[in-house]
């Protein structure tokens, strides 16, 4: 019974995000999850070596406050020199996850340009 509760709590979005984090770790990148910012926001993942923040797309269509908060966080991170990548809401297969991760490992961060 405990196993079925655990498997039900794992959503396709969580699997997609975990797939991205696993792929980045497999590539040797250090990924810090659920990290607080100096403004009180918590970001989903940070790759310090690349100065990249990975955010899951929130359900913005239902809450205007969530959209404003998300935009504020994104703007503050970018102004501090982080490149912000947002995991799309759509389903992603393994190839799309690899392409998403390629953007992190190939594109230079704003701080180095």
C-alpha atoms as a PDB file:
ATOM      1  CA  UNK A   1       0.000   0.000   0.000  1.00  0.00           C
ATOM      2  CA  UNK A   2       2.873   2.419   0.780  1.00  0.00           C
ATOM      3  CA  UNK A   3       4.414   1.816  -2.645  1.00  0.00           C
ATOM      4  CA  UNK A   4       1.243   2.813  -4.487  1.00  0.00           C
ATOM      5  CA  UNK A   5       1.042   6.103  -2.554  1.00  0.00           C
ATOM      6  CA  UNK A   6       4.625   6.910  -3.486  1.00  0.00           C
ATOM      7  CA  UNK A   7       4.121   6.079  -7.160  1.00  0.00           C
ATOM      8  CA  UNK A   8       0.934   8.146  -7.257  1.00  0.00           C
ATOM      9  CA  UNK A   9       2.702  11.178  -5.778  1.00  0.00           C
ATOM     10  CA  UNK A  10       5.319  11.227  -8.582  1.00  0.00           C
ATOM     11  CA  UNK A  11       3.941  13.409 -11.355  1.00  0.00           C
ATOM     12  CA  UNK A  12       5.165  13.526 -14.952  1.00  0.00           C
ATOM     13  CA  UNK A  13       6.520  17.022 -14.192  1.00  0.00           C
ATOM     14  CA  UNK A  14       8.589  15.693 -11.303  1.00  0.00           C
ATOM     15  CA  UNK A  15       9.890  12.867 -13.492  1.00  0.00           C
ATOM     16  CA  UNK A  16      10.853  15.352 -16.223  1.00  0.00           C
ATOM     17  CA  UNK A  17      12.645  17.629 -13.738  1.00  0.00           C
ATOM     18  CA  UNK A  18      14.388  14.680 -12.089  1.00  0.00           C
ATOM     19  CA  UNK A  19      15.427  13.467 -15.559  1.00  0.00           C
ATOM     20  CA  UNK A  20      17.043  16.841 -16.272  1.00  0.00           C
ATOM     21  CA  UNK A  21      18.830  16.879 -12.908  1.00  0.00           C
ATOM     22  CA  UNK A  22      20.026  13.284 -13.416  1.00  0.00           C
ATOM     23  CA  UNK A  23      21.350  14.079 -16.889  1.00  0.00           C
ATOM     24  CA  UNK A  24      23.226  17.142 -15.621  1.00  0.00           C
ATOM     25  CA  UNK A  25      24.726  15.094 -12.783  1.00  0.00           C
ATOM     26  CA  UNK A  26      25.696  12.377 -15.260  1.00  0.00           C
ATOM     27  CA  UNK A  27      27.582  15.066 -17.207  1.00  0.00           C
ATOM     28  CA  UNK A  28      29.546  15.901 -14.077  1.00  0.00           C
ATOM     29  CA  UNK A  29      27.759  19.129 -13.213  1.00  0.00           C
ATOM     30  CA  UNK A  30      27.064  19.957  -9.583  1.00  0.00           C
ATOM     31  CA  UNK A  31      23.366  20.705  -9.188  1.00  0.00           C
ATOM     32  CA  UNK A  32      22.008  22.239  -5.998  1.00  0.00           C
ATOM     33  CA  UNK A  33      18.271  21.745  -5.564  1.00  0.00           C
ATOM     34  CA  UNK A  34      15.741  23.903  -3.691  1.00  0.00           C
ATOM     35  CA  UNK A  35      18.170  26.720  -2.921  1.00  0.00           C
ATOM     36  CA  UNK A  36      17.057  29.964  -1.264  1.00  0.00           C
ATOM     37  CA  UNK A  37      17.928  33.326  -2.807  1.00  0.00           C
ATOM     38  CA  UNK A  38      18.807  36.488  -0.961  1.00  0.00           C
ATOM     39  CA  UNK A  39      15.328  37.845  -1.765  1.00  0.00           C
ATOM     40  CA  UNK A  40      13.532  35.010  -0.009  1.00  0.00           C
ATOM     41  CA  UNK A  41      12.630  33.007  -3.115  1.00  0.00           C
ATOM     42  CA  UNK A  42      13.542  29.338  -3.421  1.00  0.00           C
ATOM     43  CA  UNK A  43      14.803  28.233  -6.830  1.00  0.00           C
ATOM     44  CA  UNK A  44      14.328  24.677  -8.075  1.00  0.00           C
ATOM     45  CA  UNK A  45      17.950  24.097  -9.116  1.00  0.00           C
ATOM     46  CA  UNK A  46      21.221  26.007  -9.436  1.00  0.00           C
ATOM     47  CA  UNK A  47      24.300  24.995 -11.402  1.00  0.00           C
ATOM     48  CA  UNK A  48      26.891  27.274  -9.757  1.00  0.00           C
ATOM     49  CA  UNK A  49      29.732  26.507 -12.183  1.00  0.00           C
ATOM     50  CA  UNK A  50      27.632  27.661 -15.153  1.00  0.00           C
ATOM     51  CA  UNK A  51      25.746  30.413 -13.255  1.00  0.00           C
ATOM     52  CA  UNK A  52      22.499  28.848 -14.409  1.00  0.00           C
ATOM     53  CA  UNK A  53      19.220  28.576 -12.532  1.00  0.00           C
ATOM     54  CA  UNK A  54      16.648  25.997 -13.635  1.00  0.00           C
ATOM     55  CA  UNK A  55      13.033  26.752 -12.750  1.00  0.00           C
ATOM     56  CA  UNK A  56       9.918  24.659 -13.173  1.00  0.00           C
ATOM     57  CA  UNK A  57       7.173  26.581 -14.923  1.00  0.00           C
ATOM     58  CA  UNK A  58       4.452  27.334 -12.361  1.00  0.00           C
ATOM     59  CA  UNK A  59       0.772  27.257 -13.226  1.00  0.00           C
ATOM     60  CA  UNK A  60       0.663  30.948 -14.097  1.00  0.00           C
ATOM     61  CA  UNK A  61      -2.699  31.043 -15.834  1.00  0.00           C
ATOM     62  CA  UNK A  62      -4.597  30.603 -12.562  1.00  0.00           C
ATOM     63  CA  UNK A  63      -2.865  33.109 -10.338  1.00  0.00           C
ATOM     64  CA  UNK A  64      -1.793  36.611 -11.352  1.00  0.00           C
ATOM     65  CA  UNK A  65       0.214  36.927  -8.115  1.00  0.00           C
ATOM     66  CA  UNK A  66       2.183  33.779  -9.010  1.00  0.00           C
ATOM     67  CA  UNK A  67       2.979  35.229 -12.431  1.00  0.00           C
ATOM     68  CA  UNK A  68       4.192  38.521 -10.925  1.00  0.00           C
ATOM     69  CA  UNK A  69       6.287  36.702  -8.318  1.00  0.00           C
ATOM     70  CA  UNK A  70       7.783  34.388 -10.948  1.00  0.00           C
ATOM     71  CA  UNK A  71       8.683  37.336 -13.219  1.00  0.00           C
ATOM     72  CA  UNK A  72      10.204  39.255 -10.295  1.00  0.00           C
ATOM     73  CA  UNK A  73      12.339  36.276  -9.301  1.00  0.00           C
ATOM     74  CA  UNK A  74      13.452  35.711 -12.910  1.00  0.00           C
ATOM     75  CA  UNK A  75      14.355  39.391 -13.371  1.00  0.00           C
ATOM     76  CA  UNK A  76      16.323  39.521 -10.108  1.00  0.00           C
ATOM     77  CA  UNK A  77      18.268  36.378 -10.974  1.00  0.00           C
ATOM     78  CA  UNK A  78      19.112  37.682 -14.442  1.00  0.00           C
ATOM     79  CA  UNK A  79      20.208  41.042 -13.026  1.00  0.00           C
ATOM     80  CA  UNK A  80      22.614  39.133 -10.749  1.00  0.00           C
ATOM     81  CA  UNK A  81      24.187  37.497 -13.814  1.00  0.00           C
ATOM     82  CA  UNK A  82      22.387  34.145 -13.776  1.00  0.00           C
ATOM     83  CA  UNK A  83      21.011  32.580 -16.907  1.00  0.00           C
ATOM     84  CA  UNK A  84      17.508  31.379 -16.126  1.00  0.00           C
ATOM     85  CA  UNK A  85      16.213  28.319 -17.955  1.00  0.00           C
ATOM     86  CA  UNK A  86      12.607  27.309 -17.500  1.00  0.00           C
ATOM     87  CA  UNK A  87      11.494  23.699 -17.781  1.00  0.00           C
ATOM     88  CA  UNK A  88       8.504  23.739 -20.162  1.00  0.00           C
ATOM     89  CA  UNK A  89       5.123  22.433 -19.044  1.00  0.00           C
ATOM     90  CA  UNK A  90       4.919  20.107 -22.047  1.00  0.00           C
ATOM     91  CA  UNK A  91       6.111  16.517 -21.827  1.00  0.00           C
ATOM     92  CA  UNK A  92       9.741  15.921 -22.749  1.00  0.00           C
ATOM     93  CA  UNK A  93      11.265  12.726 -24.074  1.00  0.00           C
ATOM     94  CA  UNK A  94      14.883  11.708 -23.428  1.00  0.00           C
ATOM     95  CA  UNK A  95      16.152  13.486 -26.544  1.00  0.00           C
ATOM     96  CA  UNK A  96      14.457  16.761 -25.541  1.00  0.00           C
ATOM     97  CA  UNK A  97      15.895  16.459 -22.029  1.00  0.00           C
ATOM     98  CA  UNK A  98      19.367  16.023 -23.577  1.00  0.00           C
ATOM     99  CA  UNK A  99      18.872  19.119 -25.752  1.00  0.00           C
ATOM    100  CA  UNK A 100      17.729  21.109 -22.697  1.00  0.00           C
ATOM    101  CA  UNK A 101      20.845  19.989 -20.810  1.00  0.00           C
ATOM    102  CA  UNK A 102      23.053  20.787 -23.833  1.00  0.00           C
ATOM    103  CA  UNK A 103      21.938  24.414 -23.512  1.00  0.00           C
ATOM    104  CA  UNK A 104      23.370  24.493 -20.004  1.00  0.00           C
ATOM    105  CA  UNK A 105      26.668  22.805 -20.770  1.00  0.00           C
ATOM    106  CA  UNK A 106      27.321  24.551 -24.116  1.00  0.00           C
ATOM    107  CA  UNK A 107      26.009  28.124 -23.848  1.00  0.00           C
ATOM    108  CA  UNK A 108      28.234  30.538 -21.908  1.00  0.00           C
ATOM    109  CA  UNK A 109      26.803  32.267 -18.872  1.00  0.00           C
ATOM    110  CA  UNK A 110      26.165  36.015 -18.946  1.00  0.00           C
ATOM    111  CA  UNK A 111      28.929  36.556 -16.398  1.00  0.00           C
ATOM    112  CA  UNK A 112      31.593  35.241 -18.800  1.00  0.00           C
ATOM    113  CA  UNK A 113      30.502  37.206 -21.858  1.00  0.00           C
END
